[in-house]
Amino acid sequence: MARPITKVAEPVVTEKDRQDQTVDSVLQSLANNPEGIQATIKLLQELHESGILGAVNAAIEAKEDIAKILVGQMVRPPVTNIINNAMAAAGGLTELDPAMTKKLMGGLTAGLKKADEALQSGAKIGIFDLMKVLSDPDINRAMAFGINLLKGIGEGLKD
């Protein structure tokens, strides 16, 4: 009777065999996707001809220098002020009612149109005109809104 197999010899894959398998895999991918490969080559050619590819390569090679410059610029006081102000404004906007903001922006747009028309006409306003417009409901509404807005701002500034 034959001896039982106690040792299984694993096939030894040489570096050359591994490279051949990789090349075969790449060639198979190329054969399966000719349109995509051709489009990629065309894109790279266009980027090369326009100089963008060279600029991207230079930026990648200089990535550490660019990162240092970007970080240096980001920690400058004006930039940090912009970031802090944007975050504060975003926080304030989250507390506003979107319907009220839409109404206010619509009123602002209409007001700017009226103001431009009045500016183009060159009409002068006297003291009696001011007294007379206070009875206009639209003006009265805007004045009340503005006065209450100023009151709210003043209360907010108190803290």
N, C-alpha and C. Protein backbone atom coordinates (compact mmCIF):
# COMPACT_ATOMS: atom_id res chain seq x y z
N MET A 1 0.83 -1.16 0.00
CA MET A 1 0.00 0.00 0.00
C MET A 1 0.89 1.24 0.00
N ALA A 2 0.42 2.31 -0.64
CA ALA A 2 1.21 3.52 -0.76
C ALA A 2 1.14 4.32 0.53
N ARG A 3 2.14 5.11 0.72
CA ARG A 3 2.18 5.98 1.90
C ARG A 3 1.17 7.11 1.77
N PRO A 4 0.55 7.50 2.86
CA PRO A 4 -0.37 8.64 2.79
C PRO A 4 0.39 9.94 2.55
N ILE A 5 -0.26 10.86 1.84
CA ILE A 5 0.36 12.16 1.56
C ILE A 5 0.26 13.00 2.81
N THR A 6 1.41 13.43 3.28
CA THR A 6 1.43 14.25 4.49
C THR A 6 1.85 15.68 4.19
N LYS A 7 2.42 15.88 3.06
CA LYS A 7 2.89 17.22 2.71
C LYS A 7 2.37 17.57 1.32
N VAL A 8 1.64 18.72 1.24
CA VAL A 8 1.12 19.17 -0.03
C VAL A 8 2.02 20.28 -0.53
N ALA A 9 2.53 20.11 -1.69
CA ALA A 9 3.43 21.11 -2.26
C ALA A 9 2.59 22.20 -2.93
N GLU A 10 2.69 23.41 -2.40
CA GLU A 10 1.98 24.53 -3.01
C GLU A 10 2.75 24.99 -4.22
N PRO A 11 2.01 25.33 -5.28
CA PRO A 11 2.73 25.80 -6.47
C PRO A 11 3.45 27.11 -6.16
N VAL A 12 4.65 27.21 -6.58
CA VAL A 12 5.45 28.42 -6.35
C VAL A 12 5.18 29.38 -7.50
N VAL A 13 4.65 30.56 -7.15
CA VAL A 13 4.37 31.57 -8.16
C VAL A 13 5.55 32.54 -8.16
N THR A 14 6.22 32.61 -9.27
CA THR A 14 7.38 33.50 -9.37
C THR A 14 6.90 34.93 -9.65
N GLU A 15 7.81 35.84 -9.49
CA GLU A 15 7.49 37.25 -9.76
C GLU A 15 7.10 37.43 -11.22
N LYS A 16 7.75 36.71 -12.10
CA LYS A 16 7.43 36.79 -13.53
C LYS A 16 6.01 36.30 -13.78
N ASP A 17 5.60 35.21 -13.13
CA ASP A 17 4.24 34.70 -13.29
C ASP A 17 3.22 35.72 -12.78
N ARG A 18 3.52 36.34 -11.65
CA ARG A 18 2.63 37.36 -11.09
C ARG A 18 2.49 38.54 -12.04
N GLN A 19 3.60 38.97 -12.62
CA GLN A 19 3.56 40.08 -13.58
C GLN A 19 2.77 39.69 -14.82
N ASP A 20 2.95 38.48 -15.28
CA ASP A 20 2.20 38.01 -16.46
C ASP A 20 0.70 38.00 -16.18
N GLN A 21 0.32 37.56 -14.97
CA GLN A 21 -1.10 37.56 -14.60
C GLN A 21 -1.65 38.98 -14.56
N THR A 22 -0.86 39.91 -14.03
CA THR A 22 -1.29 41.31 -13.95
C THR A 22 -1.45 41.90 -15.35
N VAL A 23 -0.50 41.63 -16.24
CA VAL A 23 -0.58 42.14 -17.61
C VAL A 23 -1.79 41.55 -18.31
N ASP A 24 -2.05 40.27 -18.13
CA ASP A 24 -3.23 39.63 -18.73
C ASP A 24 -4.51 40.27 -18.22
N SER A 25 -4.56 40.57 -16.91
CA SER A 25 -5.74 41.19 -16.32
C SER A 25 -5.97 42.59 -16.90
N VAL A 26 -4.89 43.35 -17.05
CA VAL A 26 -5.01 44.70 -17.62
C VAL A 26 -5.45 44.62 -19.07
N LEU A 27 -4.87 43.73 -19.83
CA LEU A 27 -5.26 43.56 -21.23
C LEU A 27 -6.73 43.15 -21.34
N GLN A 28 -7.19 42.30 -20.44
CA GLN A 28 -8.59 41.89 -20.45
C GLN A 28 -9.50 43.08 -20.17
N SER A 29 -9.11 43.94 -19.19
CA SER A 29 -9.89 45.14 -18.89
C SER A 29 -9.92 46.08 -20.08
N LEU A 30 -8.79 46.26 -20.74
CA LEU A 30 -8.73 47.10 -21.94
C LEU A 30 -9.67 46.57 -23.03
N ALA A 31 -9.66 45.27 -23.21
CA ALA A 31 -10.49 44.67 -24.24
C ALA A 31 -11.98 44.79 -23.90
N ASN A 32 -12.32 44.75 -22.63
CA ASN A 32 -13.73 44.82 -22.22
C ASN A 32 -14.28 46.25 -22.21
N ASN A 33 -13.40 47.26 -22.15
CA ASN A 33 -13.85 48.65 -22.03
C ASN A 33 -13.15 49.58 -23.03
N PRO A 34 -13.24 49.32 -24.31
CA PRO A 34 -12.49 50.15 -25.27
C PRO A 34 -12.97 51.60 -25.34
N GLU A 35 -14.32 51.82 -25.22
CA GLU A 35 -14.83 53.19 -25.33
C GLU A 35 -14.36 54.03 -24.14
N GLY A 36 -14.43 53.46 -22.96
CA GLY A 36 -14.00 54.18 -21.76
C GLY A 36 -12.52 54.51 -21.80
N ILE A 37 -11.72 53.58 -22.25
CA ILE A 37 -10.26 53.80 -22.34
C ILE A 37 -9.97 54.89 -23.36
N GLN A 38 -10.63 54.84 -24.50
CA GLN A 38 -10.42 55.86 -25.54
C GLN A 38 -10.86 57.24 -25.05
N ALA A 39 -11.98 57.31 -24.33
CA ALA A 39 -12.44 58.59 -23.79
C ALA A 39 -11.45 59.13 -22.76
N THR A 40 -10.90 58.24 -21.95
CA THR A 40 -9.91 58.66 -20.95
C THR A 40 -8.65 59.18 -21.62
N ILE A 41 -8.21 58.51 -22.65
CA ILE A 41 -7.01 58.96 -23.37
C ILE A 41 -7.27 60.31 -24.02
N LYS A 42 -8.46 60.50 -24.60
CA LYS A 42 -8.81 61.78 -25.22
C LYS A 42 -8.83 62.89 -24.17
N LEU A 43 -9.42 62.60 -23.00
CA LEU A 43 -9.46 63.58 -21.92
C LEU A 43 -8.05 63.96 -21.47
N LEU A 44 -7.20 62.98 -21.28
CA LEU A 44 -5.82 63.27 -20.88
C LEU A 44 -5.10 64.10 -21.94
N GLN A 45 -5.34 63.80 -23.21
CA GLN A 45 -4.72 64.56 -24.29
C GLN A 45 -5.17 66.01 -24.26
N GLU A 46 -6.48 66.23 -24.08
CA GLU A 46 -7.02 67.59 -24.00
C GLU A 46 -6.43 68.34 -22.80
N LEU A 47 -6.36 67.68 -21.66
CA LEU A 47 -5.78 68.31 -20.47
C LEU A 47 -4.30 68.64 -20.70
N HIS A 48 -3.60 67.77 -21.39
CA HIS A 48 -2.18 68.01 -21.69
C HIS A 48 -2.02 69.19 -22.64
N GLU A 49 -2.83 69.23 -23.70
CA GLU A 49 -2.71 70.30 -24.68
C GLU A 49 -3.08 71.66 -24.10
N SER A 50 -4.03 71.68 -23.18
CA SER A 50 -4.43 72.96 -22.59
C SER A 50 -3.50 73.41 -21.48
N GLY A 51 -2.60 72.55 -21.03
CA GLY A 51 -1.66 72.91 -19.97
C GLY A 51 -2.18 72.61 -18.58
N ILE A 52 -3.42 72.17 -18.48
CA ILE A 52 -4.00 71.88 -17.17
C ILE A 52 -3.32 70.68 -16.53
N LEU A 53 -3.01 69.68 -17.32
CA LEU A 53 -2.37 68.48 -16.79
C LEU A 53 -1.01 68.81 -16.18
N GLY A 54 -0.27 69.67 -16.84
CA GLY A 54 1.03 70.09 -16.30
C GLY A 54 0.88 70.85 -14.99
N ALA A 55 -0.14 71.71 -14.94
CA ALA A 55 -0.38 72.48 -13.72
C ALA A 55 -0.78 71.55 -12.57
N VAL A 56 -1.63 70.57 -12.86
CA VAL A 56 -2.04 69.62 -11.82
C VAL A 56 -0.84 68.81 -11.34
N ASN A 57 -0.02 68.36 -12.28
CA ASN A 57 1.18 67.61 -11.89
C ASN A 57 2.10 68.45 -11.03
N ALA A 58 2.29 69.71 -11.40
CA ALA A 58 3.15 70.60 -10.61
C ALA A 58 2.56 70.82 -9.22
N ALA A 59 1.25 70.97 -9.15
CA ALA A 59 0.60 71.16 -7.85
C ALA A 59 0.74 69.92 -6.98
N ILE A 60 0.64 68.75 -7.58
CA ILE A 60 0.80 67.51 -6.81
C ILE A 60 2.23 67.37 -6.32
N GLU A 61 3.19 67.73 -7.16
CA GLU A 61 4.59 67.65 -6.75
C GLU A 61 4.90 68.63 -5.63
N ALA A 62 4.21 69.77 -5.63
CA ALA A 62 4.47 70.81 -4.62
C ALA A 62 3.42 70.78 -3.52
N LYS A 63 2.82 69.63 -3.27
CA LYS A 63 1.69 69.54 -2.33
C LYS A 63 2.05 70.01 -0.92
N GLU A 64 3.25 69.72 -0.45
CA GLU A 64 3.62 70.16 0.90
C GLU A 64 3.73 71.68 0.97
N ASP A 65 4.35 72.28 -0.04
CA ASP A 65 4.47 73.74 -0.05
C ASP A 65 3.09 74.40 -0.15
N ILE A 66 2.23 73.85 -1.00
CA ILE A 66 0.88 74.41 -1.15
C ILE A 66 0.11 74.26 0.15
N ALA A 67 0.23 73.11 0.81
CA ALA A 67 -0.48 72.90 2.08
C ALA A 67 0.00 73.89 3.13
N LYS A 68 1.30 74.15 3.18
CA LYS A 68 1.82 75.13 4.15
C LYS A 68 1.25 76.52 3.88
N ILE A 69 1.20 76.90 2.61
CA ILE A 69 0.67 78.22 2.25
C ILE A 69 -0.81 78.30 2.61
N LEU A 70 -1.58 77.25 2.28
CA LEU A 70 -3.01 77.26 2.59
C LEU A 70 -3.27 77.35 4.08
N VAL A 71 -2.52 76.57 4.86
CA VAL A 71 -2.71 76.61 6.31
C VAL A 71 -2.31 77.98 6.83
N GLY A 72 -1.23 78.53 6.31
CA GLY A 72 -0.79 79.86 6.73
C GLY A 72 -1.83 80.92 6.43
N GLN A 73 -2.50 80.81 5.28
CA GLN A 73 -3.52 81.78 4.91
C GLN A 73 -4.79 81.59 5.75
N MET A 74 -5.11 80.34 6.08
CA MET A 74 -6.34 80.06 6.81
C MET A 74 -6.29 80.55 8.26
N VAL A 75 -5.11 80.68 8.84
CA VAL A 75 -5.02 81.09 10.24
C VAL A 75 -4.81 82.60 10.39
N ARG A 76 -4.82 83.32 9.27
CA ARG A 76 -4.72 84.78 9.36
C ARG A 76 -5.99 85.34 9.99
N PRO A 77 -5.87 86.40 10.80
CA PRO A 77 -7.06 86.95 11.48
C PRO A 77 -8.21 87.32 10.54
N PRO A 78 -7.98 87.93 9.36
CA PRO A 78 -9.14 88.23 8.51
C PRO A 78 -9.90 86.97 8.07
N VAL A 79 -9.18 85.90 7.80
CA VAL A 79 -9.84 84.67 7.35
C VAL A 79 -10.61 84.04 8.51
N THR A 80 -10.00 84.00 9.70
CA THR A 80 -10.72 83.44 10.84
C THR A 80 -11.93 84.30 11.19
N ASN A 81 -11.81 85.63 11.00
CA ASN A 81 -12.96 86.51 11.23
C ASN A 81 -14.09 86.19 10.26
N ILE A 82 -13.75 85.95 8.99
CA ILE A 82 -14.77 85.60 7.99
C ILE A 82 -15.46 84.31 8.39
N ILE A 83 -14.69 83.32 8.78
CA ILE A 83 -15.25 82.02 9.16
C ILE A 83 -16.15 82.18 10.39
N ASN A 84 -15.68 82.92 11.39
CA ASN A 84 -16.48 83.12 12.60
C ASN A 84 -17.76 83.89 12.29
N ASN A 85 -17.66 84.93 11.45
CA ASN A 85 -18.85 85.70 11.08
C ASN A 85 -19.84 84.85 10.28
N ALA A 86 -19.33 84.03 9.38
CA ALA A 86 -20.22 83.17 8.59
C ALA A 86 -20.94 82.17 9.50
N MET A 87 -20.22 81.62 10.48
CA MET A 87 -20.85 80.67 11.39
C MET A 87 -21.89 81.37 12.26
N ALA A 88 -21.60 82.59 12.72
CA ALA A 88 -22.56 83.34 13.53
C ALA A 88 -23.79 83.70 12.70
N ALA A 89 -23.57 84.12 11.43
CA ALA A 89 -24.70 84.46 10.55
C ALA A 89 -25.54 83.22 10.27
N ALA A 90 -24.89 82.10 10.04
CA ALA A 90 -25.63 80.86 9.79
C ALA A 90 -26.44 80.47 11.02
N GLY A 91 -25.85 80.65 12.20
CA GLY A 91 -26.58 80.35 13.43
C GLY A 91 -27.79 81.26 13.58
N GLY A 92 -27.64 82.54 13.26
CA GLY A 92 -28.76 83.48 13.33
C GLY A 92 -29.84 83.14 12.32
N LEU A 93 -29.44 82.73 11.12
CA LEU A 93 -30.42 82.40 10.09
C LEU A 93 -31.24 81.17 10.46
N THR A 94 -30.65 80.27 11.24
CA THR A 94 -31.41 79.08 11.62
C THR A 94 -32.55 79.42 12.57
N GLU A 95 -32.47 80.56 13.24
CA GLU A 95 -33.52 80.96 14.18
C GLU A 95 -34.65 81.75 13.51
N LEU A 96 -34.44 82.18 12.26
CA LEU A 96 -35.45 82.97 11.57
C LEU A 96 -36.49 82.08 10.91
N ASP A 97 -37.71 82.59 10.86
CA ASP A 97 -38.79 81.90 10.17
C ASP A 97 -38.62 82.12 8.67
N PRO A 98 -38.49 81.06 7.87
CA PRO A 98 -38.28 81.22 6.44
C PRO A 98 -39.39 82.02 5.75
N ALA A 99 -40.62 81.87 6.20
CA ALA A 99 -41.72 82.62 5.59
C ALA A 99 -41.54 84.12 5.82
N MET A 100 -41.10 84.48 7.03
CA MET A 100 -40.87 85.90 7.33
C MET A 100 -39.70 86.44 6.52
N THR A 101 -38.66 85.64 6.39
CA THR A 101 -37.50 86.07 5.59
C THR A 101 -37.90 86.28 4.14
N LYS A 102 -38.73 85.37 3.61
CA LYS A 102 -39.19 85.50 2.22
C LYS A 102 -40.03 86.77 2.06
N LYS A 103 -40.92 87.02 3.02
CA LYS A 103 -41.76 88.21 2.97
C LYS A 103 -40.90 89.47 3.04
N LEU A 104 -39.91 89.47 3.93
CA LEU A 104 -39.02 90.62 4.09
C LEU A 104 -38.22 90.87 2.82
N MET A 105 -37.72 89.82 2.21
CA MET A 105 -36.93 89.99 0.98
C MET A 105 -37.81 90.48 -0.18
N GLY A 106 -39.06 90.00 -0.22
CA GLY A 106 -39.99 90.50 -1.24
C GLY A 106 -40.27 91.98 -1.04
N GLY A 107 -40.48 92.39 0.22
CA GLY A 107 -40.70 93.80 0.52
C GLY A 107 -39.48 94.64 0.20
N LEU A 108 -38.30 94.09 0.48
CA LEU A 108 -37.07 94.83 0.18
C LEU A 108 -36.92 95.03 -1.33
N THR A 109 -37.22 94.00 -2.09
CA THR A 109 -37.14 94.11 -3.55
C THR A 109 -38.11 95.16 -4.07
N ALA A 110 -39.35 95.11 -3.59
CA ALA A 110 -40.35 96.09 -4.02
C ALA A 110 -39.94 97.50 -3.61
N GLY A 111 -39.41 97.62 -2.40
CA GLY A 111 -38.96 98.93 -1.91
C GLY A 111 -37.81 99.48 -2.74
N LEU A 112 -36.88 98.63 -3.11
CA LEU A 112 -35.77 99.10 -3.94
C LEU A 112 -36.25 99.57 -5.31
N LYS A 113 -37.24 98.89 -5.87
CA LYS A 113 -37.80 99.31 -7.17
C LYS A 113 -38.46 100.69 -7.04
N LYS A 114 -39.28 100.87 -5.98
CA LYS A 114 -39.93 102.17 -5.77
C LYS A 114 -38.91 103.27 -5.53
N ALA A 115 -37.87 102.95 -4.75
CA ALA A 115 -36.84 103.95 -4.46
C ALA A 115 -36.11 104.35 -5.73
N ASP A 116 -35.85 103.39 -6.62
CA ASP A 116 -35.18 103.69 -7.88
C ASP A 116 -36.07 104.56 -8.76
N GLU A 117 -37.37 104.26 -8.79
CA GLU A 117 -38.30 105.08 -9.58
C GLU A 117 -38.31 106.52 -9.06
N ALA A 118 -38.35 106.67 -7.74
CA ALA A 118 -38.36 108.01 -7.15
C ALA A 118 -37.05 108.73 -7.42
N LEU A 119 -35.96 108.00 -7.39
CA LEU A 119 -34.66 108.60 -7.66
C LEU A 119 -34.58 109.08 -9.10
N GLN A 120 -35.13 108.29 -10.02
CA GLN A 120 -35.11 108.65 -11.44
C GLN A 120 -36.00 109.86 -11.72
N SER A 121 -37.10 109.97 -10.99
CA SER A 121 -38.01 111.09 -11.24
C SER A 121 -37.47 112.41 -10.68
N GLY A 122 -36.64 112.32 -9.67
CA GLY A 122 -36.03 113.52 -9.09
C GLY A 122 -36.99 114.34 -8.24
N ALA A 123 -38.08 113.74 -7.80
CA ALA A 123 -39.06 114.47 -6.99
C ALA A 123 -38.48 114.78 -5.61
N LYS A 124 -38.80 115.98 -5.14
CA LYS A 124 -38.33 116.40 -3.81
C LYS A 124 -39.45 116.20 -2.82
N ILE A 125 -39.06 115.88 -1.58
CA ILE A 125 -40.04 115.65 -0.52
C ILE A 125 -39.85 116.72 0.53
N GLY A 126 -40.96 117.37 0.89
CA GLY A 126 -40.93 118.40 1.92
C GLY A 126 -41.48 117.86 3.23
N ILE A 127 -41.50 118.72 4.23
CA ILE A 127 -41.95 118.33 5.56
C ILE A 127 -43.43 117.96 5.53
N PHE A 128 -44.23 118.70 4.80
CA PHE A 128 -45.66 118.39 4.72
C PHE A 128 -45.88 117.05 4.03
N ASP A 129 -45.02 116.73 3.05
CA ASP A 129 -45.12 115.43 2.38
C ASP A 129 -44.85 114.30 3.38
N LEU A 130 -43.87 114.51 4.26
CA LEU A 130 -43.56 113.51 5.28
C LEU A 130 -44.74 113.32 6.23
N MET A 131 -45.37 114.40 6.63
CA MET A 131 -46.51 114.31 7.53
C MET A 131 -47.66 113.57 6.86
N LYS A 132 -47.85 113.83 5.58
CA LYS A 132 -48.96 113.24 4.84
C LYS A 132 -48.75 111.73 4.66
N VAL A 133 -47.51 111.28 4.39
CA VAL A 133 -47.28 109.86 4.12
C VAL A 133 -47.38 109.00 5.37
N LEU A 134 -47.33 109.62 6.55
CA LEU A 134 -47.48 108.83 7.78
C LEU A 134 -48.85 108.19 7.88
N SER A 135 -49.84 108.76 7.19
CA SER A 135 -51.18 108.17 7.22
C SER A 135 -51.32 107.03 6.20
N ASP A 136 -50.35 106.88 5.32
CA ASP A 136 -50.37 105.77 4.35
C ASP A 136 -50.14 104.46 5.11
N PRO A 137 -51.03 103.47 4.98
CA PRO A 137 -50.89 102.23 5.75
C PRO A 137 -49.60 101.46 5.44
N ASP A 138 -49.14 101.48 4.19
CA ASP A 138 -47.90 100.78 3.84
C ASP A 138 -46.70 101.42 4.53
N ILE A 139 -46.66 102.74 4.51
CA ILE A 139 -45.55 103.46 5.16
C ILE A 139 -45.63 103.26 6.67
N ASN A 140 -46.82 103.34 7.21
CA ASN A 140 -46.99 103.16 8.64
C ASN A 140 -46.54 101.76 9.06
N ARG A 141 -46.88 100.74 8.27
CA ARG A 141 -46.48 99.37 8.55
C ARG A 141 -44.95 99.25 8.52
N ALA A 142 -44.32 99.85 7.52
CA ALA A 142 -42.86 99.79 7.41
C ALA A 142 -42.20 100.55 8.55
N MET A 143 -42.77 101.70 8.94
CA MET A 143 -42.20 102.47 10.05
C MET A 143 -42.31 101.67 11.36
N ALA A 144 -43.46 101.05 11.59
CA ALA A 144 -43.64 100.25 12.80
C ALA A 144 -42.67 99.07 12.81
N PHE A 145 -42.51 98.44 11.65
CA PHE A 145 -41.56 97.33 11.54
C PHE A 145 -40.15 97.81 11.85
N GLY A 146 -39.75 98.93 11.25
CA GLY A 146 -38.41 99.47 11.46
C GLY A 146 -38.17 99.87 12.91
N ILE A 147 -39.15 100.50 13.53
CA ILE A 147 -39.00 100.92 14.93
C ILE A 147 -38.86 99.70 15.84
N ASN A 148 -39.70 98.68 15.62
CA ASN A 148 -39.60 97.46 16.42
C ASN A 148 -38.31 96.70 16.14
N LEU A 149 -37.85 96.74 14.90
CA LEU A 149 -36.56 96.13 14.56
C LEU A 149 -35.44 96.81 15.33
N LEU A 150 -35.45 98.15 15.31
CA LEU A 150 -34.43 98.90 16.05
C LEU A 150 -34.52 98.62 17.56
N LYS A 151 -35.72 98.48 18.09
CA LYS A 151 -35.89 98.17 19.51
C LYS A 151 -35.29 96.80 19.82
N GLY A 152 -35.56 95.81 18.98
CA GLY A 152 -35.00 94.48 19.18
C GLY A 152 -33.49 94.47 19.09
N ILE A 153 -32.95 95.21 18.15
CA ILE A 153 -31.49 95.29 18.03
C ILE A 153 -30.90 95.93 19.27
N GLY A 154 -31.54 96.99 19.74
CA GLY A 154 -31.06 97.65 20.95
C GLY A 154 -31.10 96.73 22.15
N GLU A 155 -32.17 95.94 22.29
CA GLU A 155 -32.25 94.99 23.39
C GLU A 155 -31.16 93.94 23.27
N GLY A 156 -30.89 93.51 22.07
CA GLY A 156 -29.84 92.51 21.85
C GLY A 156 -28.45 93.07 22.15
N LEU A 157 -28.27 94.35 21.91
CA LEU A 157 -26.96 94.98 22.16
C LEU A 157 -26.72 95.25 23.65
N LYS A 158 -27.78 95.20 24.43
CA LYS A 158 -27.67 95.49 25.86
C LYS A 158 -26.82 94.44 26.57
N ASP A 159 -26.88 93.20 26.14
CA ASP A 159 -26.17 92.11 26.83
C ASP A 159 -24.69 92.16 26.63
